[in-house]
Protein backbone atom coordinates (compact mmCIF):
# COMPACT_ATOMS: atom_id res chain seq x y z
CA MET A 1 118.34 126.15 93.11
CA ALA A 2 115.26 124.09 94.05
CA GLU A 3 112.03 126.04 94.33
CA ASP A 4 110.30 126.14 97.72
CA LEU A 5 106.74 124.84 97.54
CA LYS A 6 104.95 127.25 99.94
CA ASN A 7 101.15 126.77 99.83
CA LYS A 8 101.58 124.10 97.16
CA GLU A 9 101.53 120.41 97.76
CA ARG A 10 103.16 118.23 95.13
CA GLU A 11 102.81 114.54 95.73
CA LEU A 12 102.91 111.19 94.04
CA LYS A 13 100.64 108.43 95.33
CA ILE A 14 100.66 104.71 94.72
CA MET A 15 98.25 102.12 96.07
CA LEU A 16 99.96 99.12 97.64
CA THR A 17 98.95 95.62 98.55
CA GLN A 18 99.27 94.69 102.21
CA ASP A 19 102.38 92.62 101.35
CA GLN A 20 104.02 95.55 99.50
CA PHE A 21 103.16 97.87 102.40
CA GLU A 22 104.70 95.50 104.95
CA SER A 23 107.79 94.91 102.74
CA LEU A 24 108.45 98.66 102.51
CA LEU A 25 107.84 99.11 106.23
CA ASN A 26 110.39 96.35 106.93
CA SER A 27 112.89 97.52 104.26
CA TYR A 28 113.32 101.10 105.48
CA ASP A 29 113.43 102.88 108.81
CA PHE A 30 110.26 104.95 109.21
CA PRO A 31 111.10 106.73 112.49
CA ILE A 32 107.75 108.51 112.96
CA THR A 33 104.35 106.86 113.32
CA ILE A 34 101.19 108.86 113.91
CA ARG A 35 97.50 108.06 114.07
CA GLN A 36 95.22 110.64 112.51
CA THR A 37 91.47 111.02 112.13
CA ASN A 38 90.33 112.82 108.98
CA THR A 39 86.91 114.46 108.76
CA TYR A 40 86.01 115.84 105.33
CA TYR A 41 83.35 118.49 104.71
CA ASP A 42 81.37 119.78 101.76
CA THR A 43 78.26 121.83 101.07
CA VAL A 44 74.91 120.32 100.11
CA ASP A 45 75.51 121.46 96.51
CA HIS A 46 79.04 119.90 96.53
CA ARG A 47 80.85 123.23 96.05
CA VAL A 48 84.17 121.86 97.33
CA LYS A 49 84.02 118.76 95.09
CA LYS A 50 83.08 120.88 92.04
CA MET A 51 86.20 123.03 92.48
CA ASN A 52 88.34 119.83 92.58
CA GLY A 53 89.06 120.54 96.20
CA ALA A 54 88.96 119.03 99.65
CA LEU A 55 88.06 120.57 102.99
CA ARG A 56 89.05 118.71 106.13
CA LEU A 57 89.88 118.77 109.79
CA ARG A 58 92.66 116.34 110.73
CA LYS A 59 93.07 115.33 114.36
CA ILE A 60 96.50 114.10 115.51
CA GLU A 61 96.58 113.55 119.28
CA ASP A 62 95.63 116.95 120.82
CA ARG A 63 96.27 118.87 117.59
CA THR A 64 93.57 119.75 115.03
CA ILE A 65 94.60 121.00 111.58
CA PHE A 66 92.30 122.80 109.13
CA THR A 67 93.12 122.10 105.46
CA LEU A 68 91.64 123.46 102.25
CA LYS A 69 93.03 121.96 99.02
CA LYS A 70 92.39 122.74 95.37
CA ARG A 71 93.88 120.62 92.57
CA ILE A 72 95.99 122.46 89.96
CA ASP A 73 97.31 119.48 87.97
CA PRO A 74 97.67 115.71 88.51
CA ILE A 75 100.45 116.08 91.12
CA THR A 76 100.03 119.67 92.39
CA LEU A 77 97.50 121.15 94.78
CA ILE A 78 97.11 124.52 96.46
CA GLU A 79 97.12 123.62 100.14
CA LEU A 80 96.06 126.11 102.79
CA GLU A 81 96.64 124.72 106.25
CA LYS A 82 96.51 126.01 109.81
CA ASP A 83 96.15 124.65 113.34
CA VAL A 84 92.77 125.38 114.95
CA ASP A 85 91.43 125.05 118.48
CA THR A 86 88.15 123.33 117.62
CA ASP A 87 86.91 120.02 116.23
CA ASP A 88 83.90 121.75 114.62
CA LEU A 89 84.67 123.45 111.32
CA ARG A 90 81.58 125.65 111.63
CA SER A 91 82.86 127.20 114.87
CA ILE A 92 86.18 128.40 113.38
CA GLU A 93 86.60 132.17 113.82
CA ASP A 94 90.19 132.55 112.57
CA PRO A 95 90.17 135.53 110.13
CA GLU A 96 92.78 133.96 107.81
CA ILE A 97 90.80 130.72 107.46
CA LEU A 98 87.54 132.64 106.97
CA ASP A 99 89.27 134.60 104.19
CA TRP A 100 90.44 131.37 102.51
CA LEU A 101 86.90 130.00 102.58
CA LYS A 102 85.56 133.27 101.18
CA GLN A 103 88.14 133.22 98.34
CA TYR A 104 86.74 129.84 97.26
CA GLY A 105 83.09 130.80 97.77
CA ILE A 106 82.58 128.45 100.71
CA SER A 107 80.39 129.50 103.63
CA LYS A 108 81.30 127.69 106.85
CA GLU A 109 77.63 127.82 107.84
CA HIS A 110 76.75 125.65 104.82
CA VAL A 111 79.33 122.89 105.26
CA ALA A 112 78.69 119.56 106.92
CA PRO A 113 80.81 116.46 107.52
CA ILE A 114 80.58 114.01 104.61
CA VAL A 115 82.97 111.25 105.67
CA GLN A 116 85.43 110.34 108.42
CA PHE A 117 88.21 107.74 108.52
CA SER A 118 91.48 107.03 110.33
CA THR A 119 95.02 106.59 109.07
CA ILE A 120 98.11 105.13 110.67
CA ARG A 121 100.94 107.02 108.94
CA HIS A 122 104.59 105.94 108.96
CA ILE A 123 106.90 108.82 107.97
CA LEU A 124 110.42 108.88 106.52
CA ASN A 125 111.96 112.28 105.74
CA THR A 126 114.61 112.58 103.05
CA LYS A 127 116.45 115.65 101.82
CA ASP A 128 113.94 116.26 99.01
CA ALA A 129 110.71 114.60 100.16
CA GLN A 130 108.59 113.15 102.92
CA ILE A 131 107.63 109.53 102.27
CA CYS A 132 104.48 108.37 104.04
CA LEU A 133 103.23 104.80 104.25
CA ASP A 134 99.53 104.98 105.08
CA GLU A 135 97.24 102.29 106.41
CA ASN A 136 93.72 103.67 105.94
CA LYS A 137 90.74 102.35 107.91
CA PHE A 138 87.47 103.27 106.26
CA GLU A 139 84.02 102.34 107.55
CA HIS A 140 83.87 99.03 105.62
CA SER A 141 87.42 98.41 104.38
CA MET A 142 91.14 99.04 104.72
CA ASP A 143 93.75 99.95 102.14
CA TYR A 144 97.44 100.76 101.86
CA GLU A 145 99.13 103.64 100.08
CA LEU A 146 102.45 105.38 99.71
CA GLU A 147 102.54 109.17 99.40
CA TYR A 148 105.72 110.87 98.18
CA GLU A 149 105.39 114.54 99.19
CA TYR A 150 107.88 116.93 97.62
CA LYS A 151 109.76 119.30 99.95
CA VAL A 152 111.58 120.94 97.01
CA ASP A 153 111.27 120.71 93.23
CA HIS A 154 113.20 117.69 91.87
CA ASP A 155 112.74 114.53 89.78
CA GLY A 156 110.45 112.84 92.28
CA VAL A 157 109.33 110.06 89.94
CA HIS A 158 112.96 108.93 89.55
CA ASP A 159 113.67 109.14 93.29
CA LEU A 160 110.45 107.31 94.16
CA ASN A 161 111.24 104.54 91.67
CA VAL A 162 114.69 104.10 93.25
CA PHE A 163 112.94 103.81 96.63
CA LEU A 164 110.33 101.32 95.34
CA ASN A 165 112.92 99.25 93.46
CA LYS A 166 113.90 97.65 96.78
CA ILE A 167 110.64 95.65 96.68
CA GLY A 168 110.53 95.28 92.88
CA ILE A 169 107.76 97.73 91.91
CA GLN A 170 107.63 101.02 89.99
CA TYR A 171 105.50 104.13 90.44
CA THR A 172 102.24 104.29 88.55
CA LYS A 173 99.37 106.50 89.63
CA ASN A 174 96.96 103.73 90.35
CA GLY A 175 94.22 104.98 92.60
CA PRO A 176 91.84 107.77 93.53
CA SER A 177 92.41 110.07 96.50
CA LYS A 178 91.68 108.96 100.07
CA LEU A 179 88.56 111.13 100.04
CA GLN A 180 87.29 109.46 96.86
CA ARG A 181 88.04 106.00 98.27
CA ALA A 182 86.28 106.85 101.55
CA MET A 183 83.20 108.04 99.65
CA ILE A 184 83.13 104.82 97.58
CA ASP A 185 83.54 102.76 100.77
CA GLN A 186 80.65 104.62 102.40
CA GLN A 187 78.30 103.51 99.61
CA HIS A 188 78.82 99.82 100.45
C-alpha cells in the first residue's frame, strides 16, 4: 500500500523553456489556474537558509498560507503549512505555528521579508501526483517550471517521464528552487 506523505513534500522539478511550457499547457488539460504571490522571510543571520529551509507566506485570492519547509534529501522536504488570517508573518499568534518556529529556532520577531514574486500556476491532479506548470514573474525576469508533487509514494520519475514524453523531453533536475532563483534575480 502506498505511504501517505503527511507533513512531507516530495517533488520533482524541471525548468522549461517557454515553448516547452506552452506545449505542455496545450497538450494536457490543466483544469485549475491560480495566481499566487509568494513572500519569503529569513533572519538577518540567515537562520532559515542555513537549515536548508524556506519560510513563506503565500497569498491566493483572499487566502494566506503560512509555510515552513526544511529539506531532508534532494526530493523530500518537511512541510508545515497552515492558513493564517494575516499578511504579516510577525503578527501571527497561532500557537501551532509559533511552536513550529520554536522547534527550528526561529523567532518571528527577528524575521523580515527577503523577496517577493508572483506565480501563475496551472494544476492537473492525477491519482498519484499533482502536476503544476508554473510561470514565475520575478522582479527582473520570468521563467517556466514543472513541479511534480507526490500524493502517495510511487515511481514518480517514471510517471513524470511518461508525461513529458508527449513533448519529447525527459526529467532531469536542472534548476535551483524558486526562492534561489528569486534571490539571484534580485541581485541583477
